[in-house]
């Protein structure tokens, strides 16, 4: 009887440990899925920018200005 009781306690303990491992894995999976979604969105954003730049060059013959022609305008903070 003592051995059976000890066996039941051991099995319950092992079940709890496995359950905790499963929960931790699910939490990690959810975090990774969220990060994957953000990375996919970022990738789509960058590819869209590249596509627009490519089309601007090809269809409209637009090029970035030479560095000497770039003027930086700084706005003063309103008081």
C-alpha atoms as a PDB file:
ATOM      1  CA  UNK A   1       0.000   0.000   0.000  1.00  0.00           C
ATOM      2  CA  UNK A   2       2.841   2.392   0.884  1.00  0.00           C
ATOM      3  CA  UNK A   3       4.542   1.746  -2.437  1.00  0.00           C
ATOM      4  CA  UNK A   4       1.293   2.379  -4.319  1.00  0.00           C
ATOM      5  CA  UNK A   5       0.723   5.660  -2.456  1.00  0.00           C
ATOM      6  CA  UNK A   6       4.288   6.745  -3.150  1.00  0.00           C
ATOM      7  CA  UNK A   7       3.809   5.844  -6.823  1.00  0.00           C
ATOM      8  CA  UNK A   8       0.632   7.951  -7.031  1.00  0.00           C
ATOM      9  CA  UNK A   9       2.401  10.938  -5.451  1.00  0.00           C
ATOM     10  CA  UNK A  10       5.334  10.561  -7.828  1.00  0.00           C
ATOM     11  CA  UNK A  11       3.086  10.355 -10.900  1.00  0.00           C
ATOM     12  CA  UNK A  12       1.119  13.437  -9.814  1.00  0.00           C
ATOM     13  CA  UNK A  13       4.350  15.363  -9.270  1.00  0.00           C
ATOM     14  CA  UNK A  14       5.645  14.371 -12.697  1.00  0.00           C
ATOM     15  CA  UNK A  15       2.317  15.360 -14.278  1.00  0.00           C
ATOM     16  CA  UNK A  16       2.548  18.815 -12.686  1.00  0.00           C
ATOM     17  CA  UNK A  17       6.095  19.221 -13.958  1.00  0.00           C
ATOM     18  CA  UNK A  18       5.075  18.256 -17.483  1.00  0.00           C
ATOM     19  CA  UNK A  19       2.073  20.602 -17.332  1.00  0.00           C
ATOM     20  CA  UNK A  20       4.330  23.494 -16.262  1.00  0.00           C
ATOM     21  CA  UNK A  21       6.726  22.717 -19.106  1.00  0.00           C
ATOM     22  CA  UNK A  22       3.834  22.694 -21.578  1.00  0.00           C
ATOM     23  CA  UNK A  23       2.543  26.055 -20.292  1.00  0.00           C
ATOM     24  CA  UNK A  24       6.007  27.633 -20.526  1.00  0.00           C
ATOM     25  CA  UNK A  25       6.377  26.313 -24.054  1.00  0.00           C
ATOM     26  CA  UNK A  26       2.972  27.725 -25.021  1.00  0.00           C
ATOM     27  CA  UNK A  27       3.902  31.145 -23.614  1.00  0.00           C
ATOM     28  CA  UNK A  28       7.180  31.073 -25.529  1.00  0.00           C
ATOM     29  CA  UNK A  29       5.313  30.010 -28.694  1.00  0.00           C
ATOM     30  CA  UNK A  30       2.894  32.923 -28.314  1.00  0.00           C
ATOM     31  CA  UNK A  31       5.762  35.396 -27.883  1.00  0.00           C
ATOM     32  CA  UNK A  32       7.557  34.007 -30.918  1.00  0.00           C
ATOM     33  CA  UNK A  33       4.360  34.169 -33.002  1.00  0.00           C
ATOM     34  CA  UNK A  34       3.918  37.810 -32.010  1.00  0.00           C
ATOM     35  CA  UNK A  35       7.525  38.610 -32.906  1.00  0.00           C
ATOM     36  CA  UNK A  36       7.146  36.757 -36.226  1.00  0.00           C
ATOM     37  CA  UNK A  37       4.088  38.839 -37.072  1.00  0.00           C
ATOM     38  CA  UNK A  38       5.974  42.055 -36.338  1.00  0.00           C
ATOM     39  CA  UNK A  39       8.913  40.916 -38.465  1.00  0.00           C
ATOM     40  CA  UNK A  40       6.594  40.057 -41.359  1.00  0.00           C
ATOM     41  CA  UNK A  41       5.023  43.508 -41.145  1.00  0.00           C
ATOM     42  CA  UNK A  42       8.446  45.157 -41.051  1.00  0.00           C
ATOM     43  CA  UNK A  43       9.580  43.104 -44.028  1.00  0.00           C
ATOM     44  CA  UNK A  44       6.486  44.084 -46.000  1.00  0.00           C
ATOM     45  CA  UNK A  45       7.058  47.736 -45.130  1.00  0.00           C
ATOM     46  CA  UNK A  46      10.673  47.653 -46.294  1.00  0.00           C
ATOM     47  CA  UNK A  47       9.833  45.817 -49.497  1.00  0.00           C
ATOM     48  CA  UNK A  48       7.082  48.340 -50.253  1.00  0.00           C
ATOM     49  CA  UNK A  49       9.558  51.218 -49.794  1.00  0.00           C
ATOM     50  CA  UNK A  50      12.043  49.488 -52.107  1.00  0.00           C
ATOM     51  CA  UNK A  51       9.327  48.900 -54.693  1.00  0.00           C
ATOM     52  CA  UNK A  52       8.250  52.558 -54.621  1.00  0.00           C
ATOM     53  CA  UNK A  53      11.871  53.711 -54.967  1.00  0.00           C
ATOM     54  CA  UNK A  54      12.438  51.312 -57.870  1.00  0.00           C
ATOM     55  CA  UNK A  55       9.295  52.462 -59.675  1.00  0.00           C
ATOM     56  CA  UNK A  56      10.211  56.123 -59.111  1.00  0.00           C
ATOM     57  CA  UNK A  57      13.577  55.538 -60.738  1.00  0.00           C
ATOM     58  CA  UNK A  58      12.293  53.408 -63.596  1.00  0.00           C
ATOM     59  CA  UNK A  59       8.967  55.030 -64.514  1.00  0.00           C
ATOM     60  CA  UNK A  60       9.545  58.646 -63.482  1.00  0.00           C
ATOM     61  CA  UNK A  61      13.338  58.749 -63.883  1.00  0.00           C
ATOM     62  CA  UNK A  62      13.598  60.171 -60.371  1.00  0.00           C
ATOM     63  CA  UNK A  63      16.986  60.059 -58.669  1.00  0.00           C
ATOM     64  CA  UNK A  64      18.160  61.273 -55.282  1.00  0.00           C
ATOM     65  CA  UNK A  65      19.784  64.715 -55.477  1.00  0.00           C
ATOM     66  CA  UNK A  66      23.553  64.985 -55.243  1.00  0.00           C
ATOM     67  CA  UNK A  67      24.737  65.564 -51.654  1.00  0.00           C
ATOM     68  CA  UNK A  68      25.752  69.145 -52.483  1.00  0.00           C
ATOM     69  CA  UNK A  69      22.180  70.001 -53.515  1.00  0.00           C
ATOM     70  CA  UNK A  70      20.582  68.840 -50.261  1.00  0.00           C
ATOM     71  CA  UNK A  71      19.506  71.671 -47.949  1.00  0.00           C
ATOM     72  CA  UNK A  72      18.521  70.970 -44.352  1.00  0.00           C
ATOM     73  CA  UNK A  73      15.921  73.350 -42.929  1.00  0.00           C
ATOM     74  CA  UNK A  74      15.673  73.463 -39.151  1.00  0.00           C
ATOM     75  CA  UNK A  75      12.591  74.883 -37.487  1.00  0.00           C
ATOM     76  CA  UNK A  76      12.937  76.769 -34.243  1.00  0.00           C
ATOM     77  CA  UNK A  77      10.648  75.706 -31.429  1.00  0.00           C
ATOM     78  CA  UNK A  78       7.727  78.113 -31.032  1.00  0.00           C
ATOM     79  CA  UNK A  79       7.742  80.052 -27.770  1.00  0.00           C
END
